[in-house]
N, C-alpha and C. Protein backbone atom coordinates (compact mmCIF):
# COMPACT_ATOMS: atom_id res chain seq x y z
N UNK A 1 0.89 -1.30 0.02
CA UNK A 1 0.11 -0.16 -0.03
C UNK A 1 1.11 1.32 -0.17
N UNK A 2 0.48 2.32 -0.82
CA UNK A 2 1.31 3.47 -0.65
C UNK A 2 -0.06 4.83 -0.38
N UNK A 3 0.67 5.65 0.31
CA UNK A 3 -0.13 6.50 0.79
C UNK A 3 0.70 8.30 0.19
N UNK A 4 0.28 8.96 -0.40
CA UNK A 4 0.50 10.32 -1.26
C UNK A 4 0.02 11.18 -0.59
N UNK A 5 0.38 12.40 -0.44
CA UNK A 5 0.09 13.54 -0.33
C UNK A 5 0.34 14.68 -1.53
N UNK A 6 -0.56 14.36 -2.76
CA UNK A 6 -0.20 15.29 -3.97
C UNK A 6 0.61 16.82 -3.84
N UNK A 7 0.93 17.22 -4.69
CA UNK A 7 1.55 18.36 -4.48
C UNK A 7 0.86 19.53 -4.94
N UNK A 8 1.32 21.00 -5.30
CA UNK A 8 1.10 21.84 -5.41
C UNK A 8 -0.95 21.86 -6.29
N UNK A 9 -1.84 22.36 -5.50
CA UNK A 9 -2.96 22.34 -6.17
C UNK A 9 -3.65 21.41 -6.07
N UNK A 10 -3.90 20.78 -4.81
CA UNK A 10 -4.30 19.60 -4.72
C UNK A 10 -5.26 19.32 -3.04
N UNK A 11 -5.09 20.24 -2.82
CA UNK A 11 -6.59 20.55 -1.38
C UNK A 11 -7.13 19.67 -1.17
N UNK A 12 -7.33 18.69 0.01
CA UNK A 12 -7.96 17.78 0.38
C UNK A 12 -7.80 16.83 -0.41
N UNK A 13 -6.96 16.59 -1.35
CA UNK A 13 -6.99 15.41 -1.65
C UNK A 13 -5.69 14.86 -0.78
N UNK A 14 -6.38 13.13 -1.20
CA UNK A 14 -4.80 11.74 -0.45
C UNK A 14 -4.90 10.98 -1.71
N UNK A 15 -3.98 10.56 -1.63
CA UNK A 15 -4.08 9.36 -3.04
C UNK A 15 -3.22 8.12 -2.56
N UNK A 16 -4.19 6.91 -2.48
CA UNK A 16 -3.69 5.79 -1.73
C UNK A 16 -3.61 4.67 -3.45
N UNK A 17 -2.61 3.69 -3.19
CA UNK A 17 -2.85 2.61 -3.91
C UNK A 17 -2.66 1.40 -2.84
N UNK A 18 -3.54 0.39 -3.36
CA UNK A 18 -3.23 -0.85 -2.76
C UNK A 18 -4.15 -1.45 -3.69
N UNK A 19 -3.80 -3.11 -3.92
CA UNK A 19 -4.40 -3.71 -4.69
C UNK A 19 -5.44 -5.03 -4.15
N UNK A 20 -6.46 -4.75 -4.38
CA UNK A 20 -7.81 -6.30 -3.89
C UNK A 20 -8.51 -6.08 -5.43
N UNK A 21 -9.07 -6.99 -4.84
CA UNK A 21 -10.40 -7.36 -5.98
C UNK A 21 -11.36 -6.28 -6.07
N UNK A 22 -11.26 -5.16 -7.52
CA UNK A 22 -11.96 -4.44 -7.38
C UNK A 22 -11.40 -2.91 -7.31
N UNK A 23 -12.32 -1.68 -7.43
CA UNK A 23 -11.03 -0.43 -6.41
C UNK A 23 -12.53 0.01 -5.94
N UNK A 24 -11.84 1.05 -5.02
CA UNK A 24 -12.51 2.06 -4.29
C UNK A 24 -12.42 3.28 -4.10
N UNK A 25 -13.39 3.98 -4.01
CA UNK A 25 -12.94 5.48 -4.11
C UNK A 25 -13.00 6.02 -2.70
N UNK A 26 -11.98 6.97 -2.10
CA UNK A 26 -12.64 7.25 -0.87
C UNK A 26 -12.20 9.21 -0.76
N UNK A 27 -13.51 9.87 -0.67
CA UNK A 27 -12.65 11.50 -0.49
C UNK A 27 -12.70 12.00 1.40
N UNK A 28 -11.83 12.28 1.52
CA UNK A 28 -11.54 12.59 3.37
C UNK A 28 -12.43 13.74 3.21
N UNK A 29 -13.01 13.55 4.82
CA UNK A 29 -14.23 14.75 4.93
C UNK A 29 -13.65 16.28 5.58
N UNK A 30 -11.96 16.00 5.61
CA UNK A 30 -11.25 17.08 6.27
C UNK A 30 -9.98 17.73 5.33
N UNK A 31 -9.49 18.55 5.34
CA UNK A 31 -8.83 19.24 4.35
C UNK A 31 -6.82 18.62 5.10
N UNK A 32 -6.34 17.47 4.59
CA UNK A 32 -5.47 17.32 4.93
C UNK A 32 -4.03 18.10 4.65
N UNK A 33 -4.07 19.47 4.22
CA UNK A 33 -2.70 20.15 3.82
C UNK A 33 -2.71 21.03 4.76
N UNK A 34 -3.57 21.48 5.47
CA UNK A 34 -2.84 22.64 6.66
C UNK A 34 -1.40 22.85 7.37
N UNK A 35 -1.12 21.37 7.27
CA UNK A 35 -0.16 21.06 8.58
C UNK A 35 0.72 19.93 8.73
N UNK A 36 1.53 19.66 9.67
CA UNK A 36 1.87 18.07 9.69
C UNK A 36 0.56 17.92 10.31
N UNK A 37 0.55 16.54 10.03
CA UNK A 37 -0.60 15.38 10.49
C UNK A 37 0.29 14.20 10.65
N UNK A 38 -0.44 13.42 11.26
CA UNK A 38 -0.04 11.96 11.64
C UNK A 38 -0.63 10.97 11.24
N UNK A 39 -1.09 10.29 10.32
CA UNK A 39 -1.81 9.57 9.84
C UNK A 39 -1.72 8.05 10.31
N UNK A 40 -3.03 7.17 10.43
CA UNK A 40 -2.88 6.14 10.87
C UNK A 40 -4.05 5.52 10.09
N UNK A 41 -3.28 3.58 9.73
CA UNK A 41 -4.17 3.19 8.91
C UNK A 41 -4.43 1.75 9.41
N UNK A 42 -5.92 1.25 9.43
CA UNK A 42 -6.34 0.31 10.44
C UNK A 42 -6.26 -0.95 9.33
N UNK A 43 -5.40 -1.61 9.63
CA UNK A 43 -5.86 -3.06 8.62
C UNK A 43 -5.37 -4.18 9.26
N UNK A 44 -5.68 -5.43 9.03
CA UNK A 44 -5.42 -6.63 9.07
C UNK A 44 -5.39 -7.51 7.83
N UNK A 45 -4.78 -8.84 7.92
CA UNK A 45 -4.72 -9.23 7.04
C UNK A 45 -6.03 -9.28 6.29
N UNK A 46 -7.14 -9.45 6.59
CA UNK A 46 -8.51 -9.62 5.54
C UNK A 46 -8.61 -7.96 5.10
N UNK A 47 -8.02 -7.28 5.88
CA UNK A 47 -9.17 -6.15 5.10
C UNK A 47 -8.34 -4.65 5.37
N UNK A 48 -8.57 -3.49 5.12
CA UNK A 48 -8.27 -2.34 5.11
C UNK A 48 -9.22 -1.39 6.06
N UNK A 49 -9.49 -0.79 6.80
CA UNK A 49 -10.37 0.00 7.22
C UNK A 49 -10.34 1.04 6.96
């Protein structure tokens, strides 16, 4: 899995790449760009929450 905050002019956008059967989209309910953040991902061998 890869998590990326894109560069300029991408307010509110987070890009992730992970491989599974099918694809999904997610738009955060907050603006992740105003400053430093610590992000956590909940996951186990069966799913990413």
